[in-house]
């Protein structure tokens, strides 16, 4: 939640393990827009509140996995190489509206990709229950079904001039996008 630099001041962009592992499903964050009022989903942008926001980028350690081999991944801003892109998916992470929870009897709103990721875990659990069997390597299933996502095309995870932009298709800010539904 510290944008593309992950809060470091070494002039480079960073993605962290285990999110960068090809065996993990990494979740980026979005800022939902106002509801359309006609039942349509609200437009979303990359969550970037200036000092906090979604991370994402290109791994320094892992090569492009098979499930990302059909994508046009950006080059690493560190060395120009193309490797594993992070995140895989995204979900609302901004403080407004946030996730309403109760802790010790007190209501509060939580935000960040650490709040968005459990929503993705719940969606996967529902999908497994509906199928009646395990999915297997989740990322292969996700990348094999791009129609299950709304692409987030607005915003970036830049800080200090370093970072990536959203756009058509997969991005290093929100991955495949947010779930439809």
N, C-alpha and C. Protein backbone atom coordinates (compact mmCIF):
# COMPACT_ATOMS: atom_id res chain seq x y z
N UNK A 1 0.81 -1.20 0.00
CA UNK A 1 0.00 0.00 0.00
C UNK A 1 0.86 1.27 0.00
N UNK A 2 2.05 1.13 -0.54
CA UNK A 2 2.95 2.29 -0.59
C UNK A 2 3.37 2.59 -2.03
N UNK A 3 2.41 2.38 -2.94
CA UNK A 3 2.58 2.68 -4.35
C UNK A 3 3.73 1.88 -4.96
N UNK A 4 4.18 2.26 -6.15
CA UNK A 4 5.13 1.44 -6.90
C UNK A 4 6.49 1.31 -6.23
N UNK A 5 6.87 2.26 -5.41
CA UNK A 5 8.18 2.18 -4.76
C UNK A 5 8.15 1.35 -3.48
N UNK A 6 6.99 0.94 -3.07
CA UNK A 6 6.81 0.19 -1.82
C UNK A 6 7.36 0.94 -0.62
N UNK A 7 7.38 2.26 -0.70
CA UNK A 7 7.82 3.08 0.42
C UNK A 7 9.32 3.22 0.56
N UNK A 8 10.07 2.60 -0.33
CA UNK A 8 11.53 2.72 -0.27
C UNK A 8 11.99 3.96 -1.02
N UNK A 9 13.14 4.46 -0.68
CA UNK A 9 13.64 5.70 -1.28
C UNK A 9 14.93 5.47 -2.06
N UNK A 10 15.08 4.28 -2.64
CA UNK A 10 16.30 3.96 -3.39
C UNK A 10 16.20 4.31 -4.87
N UNK A 11 15.09 4.96 -5.28
CA UNK A 11 14.93 5.36 -6.68
C UNK A 11 14.45 4.25 -7.59
N UNK A 12 14.07 3.10 -7.02
CA UNK A 12 13.59 1.97 -7.81
C UNK A 12 12.14 1.66 -7.46
N UNK A 13 11.50 0.87 -8.32
CA UNK A 13 10.17 0.36 -8.03
C UNK A 13 10.33 -1.07 -7.50
N UNK A 14 9.36 -1.50 -6.67
CA UNK A 14 9.49 -2.79 -6.01
C UNK A 14 8.16 -3.51 -5.93
N UNK A 15 8.19 -4.82 -6.11
CA UNK A 15 7.07 -5.68 -5.75
C UNK A 15 7.61 -6.69 -4.75
N UNK A 16 6.80 -7.03 -3.77
CA UNK A 16 7.26 -7.86 -2.66
C UNK A 16 6.84 -9.32 -2.82
N UNK A 17 7.66 -10.20 -2.26
CA UNK A 17 7.31 -11.60 -2.10
C UNK A 17 6.46 -11.69 -0.83
N UNK A 18 5.42 -12.48 -0.76
CA UNK A 18 5.04 -13.53 -1.68
C UNK A 18 4.14 -13.08 -2.83
N UNK A 19 3.71 -11.81 -2.86
CA UNK A 19 2.81 -11.37 -3.94
C UNK A 19 3.44 -11.56 -5.32
N UNK A 20 4.75 -11.46 -5.42
CA UNK A 20 5.41 -11.59 -6.71
C UNK A 20 5.61 -13.05 -7.15
N UNK A 21 5.36 -13.98 -6.25
CA UNK A 21 5.51 -15.40 -6.60
C UNK A 21 4.48 -15.79 -7.66
N UNK A 22 4.88 -16.57 -8.66
CA UNK A 22 3.91 -17.02 -9.66
C UNK A 22 2.86 -17.96 -9.09
N UNK A 23 3.06 -18.45 -7.87
CA UNK A 23 2.10 -19.35 -7.24
C UNK A 23 1.14 -18.61 -6.30
N UNK A 24 1.31 -17.31 -6.16
CA UNK A 24 0.41 -16.49 -5.34
C UNK A 24 -0.48 -15.65 -6.25
N UNK A 25 -1.67 -15.34 -5.77
CA UNK A 25 -2.56 -14.42 -6.47
C UNK A 25 -2.48 -13.09 -5.75
N UNK A 26 -1.99 -12.09 -6.44
CA UNK A 26 -1.75 -10.77 -5.86
C UNK A 26 -2.93 -9.85 -6.17
N UNK A 27 -3.32 -9.05 -5.18
CA UNK A 27 -4.48 -8.18 -5.30
C UNK A 27 -4.07 -6.72 -5.22
N UNK A 28 -4.38 -5.96 -6.26
CA UNK A 28 -4.17 -4.52 -6.27
C UNK A 28 -5.40 -3.79 -5.74
N UNK A 29 -5.30 -2.48 -5.64
CA UNK A 29 -6.40 -1.71 -5.07
C UNK A 29 -6.97 -0.67 -6.00
N UNK A 30 -8.26 -0.40 -5.84
CA UNK A 30 -8.95 0.60 -6.64
C UNK A 30 -9.68 1.61 -5.74
N UNK A 31 -10.04 2.71 -6.37
CA UNK A 31 -10.90 3.73 -5.76
C UNK A 31 -12.20 3.71 -6.53
N UNK A 32 -13.28 3.17 -5.93
CA UNK A 32 -14.57 3.17 -6.65
C UNK A 32 -15.07 4.60 -6.87
N UNK A 33 -15.68 4.80 -8.02
CA UNK A 33 -16.28 6.09 -8.32
C UNK A 33 -17.71 6.13 -7.83
N UNK A 34 -18.40 7.24 -8.06
CA UNK A 34 -19.80 7.33 -7.65
C UNK A 34 -20.66 6.36 -8.46
N UNK A 35 -21.68 5.83 -7.81
CA UNK A 35 -22.60 4.91 -8.48
C UNK A 35 -23.28 5.59 -9.65
N UNK A 36 -23.48 4.83 -10.72
CA UNK A 36 -24.07 5.38 -11.94
C UNK A 36 -25.55 5.71 -11.76
N UNK A 37 -26.23 5.09 -10.80
CA UNK A 37 -27.63 5.38 -10.55
C UNK A 37 -28.59 4.59 -11.42
N UNK A 38 -28.08 3.91 -12.45
CA UNK A 38 -28.95 3.13 -13.33
C UNK A 38 -28.72 1.63 -13.16
N UNK A 39 -28.11 1.27 -12.05
CA UNK A 39 -27.83 -0.13 -11.79
C UNK A 39 -26.50 -0.59 -12.35
N UNK A 40 -25.84 0.27 -13.13
CA UNK A 40 -24.54 -0.08 -13.69
C UNK A 40 -23.46 0.04 -12.62
N UNK A 41 -22.41 -0.72 -12.78
CA UNK A 41 -21.30 -0.67 -11.84
C UNK A 41 -20.63 0.70 -11.92
N UNK A 42 -20.16 1.16 -10.79
CA UNK A 42 -19.46 2.44 -10.75
C UNK A 42 -18.10 2.30 -11.42
N UNK A 43 -17.67 3.35 -12.08
CA UNK A 43 -16.33 3.36 -12.67
C UNK A 43 -15.32 3.34 -11.53
N UNK A 44 -14.20 2.69 -11.76
CA UNK A 44 -13.15 2.64 -10.74
C UNK A 44 -11.85 3.14 -11.33
N UNK A 45 -11.02 3.67 -10.48
CA UNK A 45 -9.69 4.12 -10.87
C UNK A 45 -8.68 3.43 -9.95
N UNK A 46 -7.44 3.49 -10.34
CA UNK A 46 -6.36 2.97 -9.51
C UNK A 46 -6.37 3.72 -8.18
N UNK A 47 -6.21 2.99 -7.09
CA UNK A 47 -6.14 3.62 -5.77
C UNK A 47 -4.77 4.26 -5.60
N UNK A 48 -4.74 5.59 -5.62
CA UNK A 48 -3.52 6.35 -5.40
C UNK A 48 -3.92 7.62 -4.66
N UNK A 49 -3.68 7.63 -3.36
CA UNK A 49 -4.04 8.77 -2.53
C UNK A 49 -2.85 9.70 -2.29
N UNK A 50 -1.83 9.60 -3.13
CA UNK A 50 -0.68 10.49 -3.02
C UNK A 50 0.48 9.90 -2.24
N UNK A 51 0.23 9.50 -1.00
CA UNK A 51 1.29 8.89 -0.19
C UNK A 51 1.04 7.41 0.05
N UNK A 52 -0.19 6.99 -0.16
CA UNK A 52 -0.53 5.57 -0.05
C UNK A 52 -1.33 5.19 -1.30
N UNK A 53 -1.32 3.92 -1.60
CA UNK A 53 -2.07 3.43 -2.75
C UNK A 53 -1.54 2.08 -3.17
N UNK A 54 -2.13 1.54 -4.22
CA UNK A 54 -1.78 0.20 -4.65
C UNK A 54 -0.34 0.13 -5.16
N UNK A 55 0.30 -0.95 -4.85
CA UNK A 55 1.61 -1.23 -5.42
C UNK A 55 1.43 -1.87 -6.78
N UNK A 56 2.43 -2.59 -7.21
CA UNK A 56 2.38 -3.29 -8.49
C UNK A 56 3.58 -2.94 -9.34
N UNK A 57 3.90 -3.86 -10.23
CA UNK A 57 5.03 -3.65 -11.11
C UNK A 57 5.52 -4.97 -11.67
N UNK A 58 6.81 -5.05 -11.89
CA UNK A 58 7.43 -6.22 -12.48
C UNK A 58 8.42 -6.81 -11.48
N UNK A 59 8.34 -8.11 -11.28
CA UNK A 59 9.21 -8.81 -10.34
C UNK A 59 10.67 -8.69 -10.76
N UNK A 60 11.55 -8.56 -9.78
CA UNK A 60 12.99 -8.61 -10.04
C UNK A 60 13.49 -10.05 -10.01
N UNK A 61 12.66 -10.99 -9.56
CA UNK A 61 13.13 -12.35 -9.33
C UNK A 61 12.50 -13.42 -10.21
N UNK A 62 11.21 -13.30 -10.54
CA UNK A 62 10.50 -14.39 -11.20
C UNK A 62 10.28 -14.12 -12.68
N UNK A 63 10.53 -15.12 -13.53
CA UNK A 63 10.26 -14.95 -14.97
C UNK A 63 8.76 -14.91 -15.23
N UNK A 64 8.39 -14.56 -16.46
CA UNK A 64 6.98 -14.51 -16.85
C UNK A 64 6.42 -15.93 -16.76
N UNK A 65 5.38 -16.15 -15.94
CA UNK A 65 4.76 -17.48 -15.88
C UNK A 65 3.93 -17.76 -17.13
N UNK A 66 3.69 -19.02 -17.40
CA UNK A 66 2.92 -19.40 -18.59
C UNK A 66 1.59 -18.66 -18.68
N UNK A 67 0.89 -18.50 -17.55
CA UNK A 67 -0.43 -17.88 -17.61
C UNK A 67 -0.38 -16.40 -17.98
N UNK A 68 0.78 -15.75 -17.91
CA UNK A 68 0.92 -14.36 -18.34
C UNK A 68 1.62 -14.23 -19.70
N UNK A 69 1.97 -15.34 -20.32
CA UNK A 69 2.77 -15.30 -21.54
C UNK A 69 2.03 -14.66 -22.72
N UNK A 70 0.71 -14.61 -22.70
CA UNK A 70 -0.05 -14.01 -23.79
C UNK A 70 -0.29 -12.50 -23.60
N UNK A 71 0.16 -11.94 -22.49
CA UNK A 71 -0.06 -10.53 -22.19
C UNK A 71 1.06 -9.66 -22.74
N UNK A 72 0.76 -8.39 -22.91
CA UNK A 72 1.81 -7.41 -23.19
C UNK A 72 2.17 -6.76 -21.86
N UNK A 73 3.19 -7.30 -21.22
CA UNK A 73 3.63 -6.80 -19.93
C UNK A 73 4.60 -5.64 -20.14
N UNK A 74 4.59 -4.66 -19.24
CA UNK A 74 5.55 -3.56 -19.38
C UNK A 74 6.95 -4.01 -18.97
N UNK A 75 7.91 -3.27 -19.40
CA UNK A 75 9.28 -3.52 -18.97
C UNK A 75 9.45 -3.03 -17.53
N UNK A 76 10.34 -3.69 -16.81
CA UNK A 76 10.70 -3.22 -15.48
C UNK A 76 11.32 -1.84 -15.59
N UNK A 77 10.92 -0.94 -14.73
CA UNK A 77 11.53 0.38 -14.70
C UNK A 77 12.91 0.34 -14.05
N UNK A 78 13.27 -0.79 -13.47
CA UNK A 78 14.58 -0.92 -12.85
C UNK A 78 15.65 -1.32 -13.85
N UNK A 79 15.34 -2.29 -14.74
CA UNK A 79 16.38 -2.80 -15.64
C UNK A 79 15.89 -3.07 -17.06
N UNK A 80 14.63 -2.76 -17.35
CA UNK A 80 14.11 -2.94 -18.71
C UNK A 80 13.68 -4.36 -19.04
N UNK A 81 13.85 -5.29 -18.13
CA UNK A 81 13.48 -6.68 -18.38
C UNK A 81 11.97 -6.87 -18.23
N UNK A 82 11.47 -7.93 -18.87
CA UNK A 82 10.07 -8.31 -18.73
C UNK A 82 10.03 -9.61 -17.95
N UNK A 83 9.36 -9.57 -16.81
CA UNK A 83 9.23 -10.74 -15.93
C UNK A 83 7.80 -10.78 -15.39
N UNK A 84 7.57 -11.56 -14.35
CA UNK A 84 6.26 -11.71 -13.72
C UNK A 84 5.67 -10.35 -13.39
N UNK A 85 4.44 -10.11 -13.86
CA UNK A 85 3.73 -8.88 -13.56
C UNK A 85 2.85 -9.04 -12.34
N UNK A 86 2.79 -8.00 -11.53
CA UNK A 86 2.01 -7.97 -10.29
C UNK A 86 1.23 -6.67 -10.28
N UNK A 87 -0.04 -6.65 -9.88
CA UNK A 87 -0.86 -7.72 -9.30
C UNK A 87 -1.58 -8.53 -10.38
N UNK A 88 -2.31 -9.52 -9.92
CA UNK A 88 -3.12 -10.34 -10.83
C UNK A 88 -4.53 -9.80 -10.97
N UNK A 89 -5.09 -9.32 -9.89
CA UNK A 89 -6.48 -8.86 -9.84
C UNK A 89 -6.54 -7.62 -8.95
N UNK A 90 -7.70 -7.02 -8.82
CA UNK A 90 -7.86 -5.85 -7.97
C UNK A 90 -9.24 -5.83 -7.33
N UNK A 91 -9.38 -4.96 -6.36
CA UNK A 91 -10.64 -4.78 -5.66
C UNK A 91 -10.58 -3.43 -4.94
N UNK A 92 -11.71 -2.92 -4.53
CA UNK A 92 -11.77 -1.64 -3.82
C UNK A 92 -10.85 -1.66 -2.61
N UNK A 93 -10.01 -0.62 -2.49
CA UNK A 93 -9.07 -0.56 -1.37
C UNK A 93 -9.02 0.83 -0.73
N UNK A 94 -9.62 1.83 -1.33
CA UNK A 94 -9.55 3.20 -0.81
C UNK A 94 -10.31 3.33 0.51
N UNK A 95 -9.90 4.31 1.30
CA UNK A 95 -10.53 4.54 2.61
C UNK A 95 -11.99 4.95 2.47
N UNK A 96 -12.34 5.54 1.37
CA UNK A 96 -13.73 5.90 1.12
C UNK A 96 -14.22 5.11 -0.09
N UNK A 97 -15.12 4.19 0.05
CA UNK A 97 -15.96 3.96 1.22
C UNK A 97 -15.32 3.09 2.29
N UNK A 98 -14.30 2.33 1.98
CA UNK A 98 -13.68 1.45 2.97
C UNK A 98 -14.55 0.25 3.26
N UNK A 99 -14.04 -0.62 4.10
CA UNK A 99 -14.77 -1.82 4.53
C UNK A 99 -15.20 -1.61 5.97
N UNK A 100 -16.51 -1.61 6.17
CA UNK A 100 -17.05 -1.37 7.51
C UNK A 100 -16.95 -2.64 8.34
N UNK A 101 -16.25 -2.53 9.47
CA UNK A 101 -16.09 -3.66 10.38
C UNK A 101 -16.35 -3.19 11.80
N UNK A 102 -16.44 -4.15 12.72
CA UNK A 102 -16.58 -3.83 14.14
C UNK A 102 -15.46 -4.54 14.88
N UNK A 103 -14.71 -3.76 15.67
CA UNK A 103 -13.61 -4.28 16.48
C UNK A 103 -13.86 -3.88 17.92
N UNK A 104 -13.94 -4.86 18.81
CA UNK A 104 -14.23 -4.61 20.22
C UNK A 104 -15.50 -3.77 20.39
N UNK A 105 -16.49 -4.07 19.58
CA UNK A 105 -17.77 -3.38 19.66
C UNK A 105 -17.79 -2.01 19.02
N UNK A 106 -16.68 -1.56 18.45
CA UNK A 106 -16.60 -0.23 17.87
C UNK A 106 -16.57 -0.32 16.35
N UNK A 107 -17.50 0.38 15.66
CA UNK A 107 -17.48 0.37 14.19
C UNK A 107 -16.31 1.19 13.67
N UNK A 108 -15.73 0.74 12.59
CA UNK A 108 -14.65 1.47 11.92
C UNK A 108 -14.59 1.04 10.47
N UNK A 109 -13.87 1.81 9.68
CA UNK A 109 -13.67 1.46 8.28
C UNK A 109 -12.20 1.09 8.08
N UNK A 110 -11.97 0.01 7.38
CA UNK A 110 -10.61 -0.41 7.04
C UNK A 110 -10.41 -0.23 5.55
N UNK A 111 -9.17 -0.04 5.16
CA UNK A 111 -8.87 0.14 3.74
C UNK A 111 -7.54 -0.51 3.42
N UNK A 112 -7.15 -0.42 2.17
CA UNK A 112 -5.89 -0.97 1.72
C UNK A 112 -6.08 -2.31 1.05
N UNK A 113 -5.01 -2.78 0.41
CA UNK A 113 -5.10 -4.07 -0.25
C UNK A 113 -5.21 -5.19 0.77
N UNK A 114 -4.80 -4.95 2.01
CA UNK A 114 -5.00 -5.95 3.06
C UNK A 114 -6.46 -6.08 3.45
N UNK A 115 -7.26 -5.10 3.11
CA UNK A 115 -8.71 -5.20 3.30
C UNK A 115 -9.37 -5.78 2.05
N UNK A 116 -8.82 -5.47 0.88
CA UNK A 116 -9.40 -5.97 -0.37
C UNK A 116 -9.12 -7.46 -0.59
N UNK A 117 -7.96 -7.92 -0.16
CA UNK A 117 -7.57 -9.31 -0.40
C UNK A 117 -8.52 -10.31 0.24
N UNK A 118 -9.01 -10.11 1.47
CA UNK A 118 -9.98 -11.07 2.01
C UNK A 118 -11.27 -11.15 1.20
N UNK A 119 -11.67 -10.06 0.55
CA UNK A 119 -12.84 -10.12 -0.32
C UNK A 119 -12.56 -11.07 -1.48
N UNK A 120 -11.38 -10.99 -2.06
CA UNK A 120 -11.01 -11.92 -3.13
C UNK A 120 -10.98 -13.36 -2.62
N UNK A 121 -10.46 -13.57 -1.42
CA UNK A 121 -10.44 -14.92 -0.85
C UNK A 121 -11.86 -15.46 -0.69
N UNK A 122 -12.78 -14.60 -0.29
CA UNK A 122 -14.18 -15.02 -0.15
C UNK A 122 -14.78 -15.35 -1.52
N UNK A 123 -14.48 -14.55 -2.54
CA UNK A 123 -15.00 -14.84 -3.88
C UNK A 123 -14.49 -16.19 -4.38
N UNK A 124 -13.23 -16.48 -4.13
CA UNK A 124 -12.66 -17.76 -4.55
C UNK A 124 -13.32 -18.90 -3.78
N UNK A 125 -13.55 -18.72 -2.48
CA UNK A 125 -14.22 -19.76 -1.69
C UNK A 125 -15.62 -20.03 -2.21
N UNK A 126 -16.34 -18.98 -2.59
CA UNK A 126 -17.69 -19.15 -3.16
C UNK A 126 -17.61 -19.90 -4.49
N UNK A 127 -16.63 -19.56 -5.31
CA UNK A 127 -16.47 -20.25 -6.61
C UNK A 127 -16.16 -21.73 -6.40
N UNK A 128 -15.31 -22.04 -5.44
CA UNK A 128 -14.97 -23.45 -5.16
C UNK A 128 -16.20 -24.19 -4.67
N UNK A 129 -16.96 -23.57 -3.79
CA UNK A 129 -18.18 -24.20 -3.28
C UNK A 129 -19.18 -24.45 -4.40
N UNK A 130 -19.32 -23.49 -5.30
CA UNK A 130 -20.27 -23.65 -6.41
C UNK A 130 -19.83 -24.75 -7.37
N UNK A 131 -18.53 -24.88 -7.58
CA UNK A 131 -18.00 -25.92 -8.48
C UNK A 131 -18.07 -27.31 -7.85
N UNK A 132 -17.95 -27.35 -6.53
CA UNK A 132 -17.93 -28.63 -5.84
C UNK A 132 -16.57 -29.32 -5.91
N UNK A 133 -15.57 -28.61 -6.41
CA UNK A 133 -14.20 -29.15 -6.47
C UNK A 133 -13.21 -28.00 -6.52
N UNK A 134 -11.96 -28.32 -6.21
CA UNK A 134 -10.92 -27.30 -6.22
C UNK A 134 -10.70 -26.74 -7.62
N UNK A 135 -10.17 -25.55 -7.69
CA UNK A 135 -9.91 -24.89 -8.97
C UNK A 135 -8.54 -25.28 -9.52
N UNK A 136 -7.60 -25.61 -8.67
CA UNK A 136 -6.23 -25.86 -9.11
C UNK A 136 -5.45 -24.57 -9.03
N UNK A 137 -4.48 -24.38 -9.93
CA UNK A 137 -3.70 -23.14 -9.92
C UNK A 137 -4.64 -21.98 -10.27
N UNK A 138 -4.95 -21.18 -9.27
CA UNK A 138 -5.95 -20.12 -9.43
C UNK A 138 -5.58 -19.14 -10.54
N UNK A 139 -4.32 -18.74 -10.60
CA UNK A 139 -3.95 -17.75 -11.61
C UNK A 139 -4.20 -18.23 -13.03
N UNK A 140 -3.95 -19.51 -13.30
CA UNK A 140 -4.23 -20.04 -14.64
C UNK A 140 -5.72 -19.91 -14.95
N UNK A 141 -6.57 -20.18 -13.97
CA UNK A 141 -8.02 -20.05 -14.18
C UNK A 141 -8.42 -18.59 -14.38
N UNK A 142 -7.84 -17.68 -13.61
CA UNK A 142 -8.18 -16.26 -13.74
C UNK A 142 -7.75 -15.70 -15.10
N UNK A 143 -6.52 -15.96 -15.49
CA UNK A 143 -6.02 -15.44 -16.76
C UNK A 143 -6.70 -16.11 -17.95
N UNK A 144 -7.26 -17.29 -17.75
CA UNK A 144 -7.99 -17.97 -18.80
C UNK A 144 -9.41 -17.46 -18.98
N UNK A 145 -9.85 -16.54 -18.10
CA UNK A 145 -11.22 -16.01 -18.14
C UNK A 145 -11.22 -14.49 -18.03
N UNK A 146 -10.62 -13.79 -18.97
CA UNK A 146 -10.54 -12.32 -18.85
C UNK A 146 -11.91 -11.64 -18.86
N UNK A 147 -12.94 -12.29 -19.40
CA UNK A 147 -14.27 -11.71 -19.41
C UNK A 147 -14.90 -11.61 -18.04
N UNK A 148 -14.28 -12.24 -17.05
CA UNK A 148 -14.79 -12.18 -15.67
C UNK A 148 -14.39 -10.89 -14.97
N UNK A 149 -13.68 -10.00 -15.68
CA UNK A 149 -13.15 -8.79 -15.06
C UNK A 149 -13.57 -7.53 -15.81
N UNK A 150 -13.69 -6.44 -15.05
CA UNK A 150 -13.81 -5.11 -15.62
C UNK A 150 -12.42 -4.48 -15.53
N UNK A 151 -11.87 -4.11 -16.66
CA UNK A 151 -10.54 -3.51 -16.70
C UNK A 151 -10.61 -2.10 -16.11
N UNK A 152 -9.64 -1.78 -15.28
CA UNK A 152 -9.52 -0.44 -14.71
C UNK A 152 -8.55 0.33 -15.59
N UNK A 153 -9.02 1.40 -16.22
CA UNK A 153 -8.20 2.10 -17.21
C UNK A 153 -7.73 3.48 -16.78
N UNK A 154 -8.14 3.92 -15.61
CA UNK A 154 -7.78 5.26 -15.16
C UNK A 154 -6.87 5.19 -13.95
N UNK A 155 -5.86 6.07 -13.94
CA UNK A 155 -5.01 6.21 -12.77
C UNK A 155 -3.65 5.56 -12.94
N UNK A 156 -2.88 5.61 -11.85
CA UNK A 156 -1.53 5.08 -11.83
C UNK A 156 -1.10 4.80 -10.40
N UNK A 157 0.03 4.14 -10.25
CA UNK A 157 0.58 3.91 -8.91
C UNK A 157 1.92 4.63 -8.76
N UNK A 158 2.04 5.74 -9.44
CA UNK A 158 3.29 6.51 -9.44
C UNK A 158 3.49 7.29 -8.14
N UNK A 159 4.75 7.37 -7.77
CA UNK A 159 5.18 8.22 -6.67
C UNK A 159 6.57 8.72 -7.04
N UNK A 160 6.79 10.02 -6.94
CA UNK A 160 8.09 10.57 -7.30
C UNK A 160 8.49 10.28 -8.74
N UNK A 161 7.51 10.18 -9.64
CA UNK A 161 7.81 9.93 -11.04
C UNK A 161 8.02 8.47 -11.39
N UNK A 162 8.05 7.59 -10.40
CA UNK A 162 8.25 6.16 -10.63
C UNK A 162 6.94 5.43 -10.48
N UNK A 163 6.68 4.50 -11.38
CA UNK A 163 5.48 3.69 -11.28
C UNK A 163 4.88 3.41 -12.65
N UNK A 164 3.67 2.90 -12.64
CA UNK A 164 3.02 2.41 -13.84
C UNK A 164 1.63 3.02 -13.99
N UNK A 165 1.15 3.04 -15.23
CA UNK A 165 -0.17 3.58 -15.55
C UNK A 165 -1.15 2.46 -15.85
N UNK A 166 -2.41 2.70 -15.53
CA UNK A 166 -3.48 1.79 -15.95
C UNK A 166 -3.76 2.05 -17.42
N UNK A 167 -4.49 1.15 -18.04
CA UNK A 167 -4.86 1.32 -19.45
C UNK A 167 -5.62 0.09 -19.90
N UNK A 168 -5.84 -0.03 -21.20
CA UNK A 168 -6.56 -1.20 -21.72
C UNK A 168 -5.83 -2.49 -21.39
N UNK A 169 -6.55 -3.52 -21.04
CA UNK A 169 -5.95 -4.81 -20.73
C UNK A 169 -5.29 -4.85 -19.37
N UNK A 170 -4.39 -5.79 -19.19
CA UNK A 170 -3.68 -5.97 -17.92
C UNK A 170 -2.82 -4.75 -17.62
N UNK A 171 -2.76 -4.35 -16.33
CA UNK A 171 -1.86 -3.26 -15.93
C UNK A 171 -1.13 -3.64 -14.66
N UNK A 172 0.01 -2.99 -14.45
CA UNK A 172 0.82 -3.21 -13.25
C UNK A 172 0.26 -2.44 -12.06
N UNK A 173 -0.96 -1.98 -12.17
CA UNK A 173 -1.66 -1.32 -11.07
C UNK A 173 -2.80 -2.18 -10.55
N UNK A 174 -3.58 -2.74 -11.49
CA UNK A 174 -4.78 -3.49 -11.11
C UNK A 174 -4.88 -4.86 -11.79
N UNK A 175 -3.79 -5.32 -12.40
CA UNK A 175 -3.80 -6.64 -13.03
C UNK A 175 -4.88 -6.77 -14.09
N UNK A 176 -5.62 -7.87 -14.03
CA UNK A 176 -6.71 -8.12 -14.98
C UNK A 176 -7.90 -7.18 -14.76
N UNK A 177 -8.01 -6.63 -13.54
CA UNK A 177 -9.11 -5.73 -13.22
C UNK A 177 -9.88 -6.19 -12.00
N UNK A 178 -11.10 -5.70 -11.88
CA UNK A 178 -11.95 -6.03 -10.75
C UNK A 178 -13.00 -7.06 -11.19
N UNK A 179 -13.49 -7.86 -10.26
CA UNK A 179 -14.45 -8.90 -10.66
C UNK A 179 -15.76 -8.31 -11.12
N UNK A 180 -16.33 -8.91 -12.17
CA UNK A 180 -17.69 -8.55 -12.61
C UNK A 180 -18.67 -9.23 -11.66
N UNK A 181 -19.67 -8.50 -11.26
CA UNK A 181 -20.69 -9.12 -10.41
C UNK A 181 -20.89 -8.39 -9.14
